[in-house]
């Protein structure tokens, strides 16, 4: 639990409670239950990587807005989304995606309307990823 919680006690307690609800008493093979919002962001990252289209961008905006309305801080959303996206990327793209994530996170902190900056990052990622796929597969 401590490794999955990145040594964050508050997060570890939440994960422990969620895991207990899933199955108690605990066993050695029982998976650690991640918070729902992290699973939701992982699903968002998966959808973004599967298809890069205006419809997916609109769907991503809805998902981001839902996360924000459920009091998940925008910088946490940005970092978690970036981490999930980097898991599925080729090494060539990781540096560029990390650069743009930092760029839009900085703009998000200095500006207002966090949803605009989150959506801009998703749009930029879709553009970069689609261009990479076109160059790779023709």
Foldseek 3Di string as FASTA:
>chain_A
DCVVQVNDVVQVVVQVVVQVVVDPPDDPPRDGDHDPLLVLLLVLLVLLLVDQDPVNLVVSLVSVVVCVVVVDDLVVSLVSNLVSNLVPDDPVCNVVLVVLSVVLVVVCVVDDDNSVSVSVSSNVVSVVSVVVCVVVPD
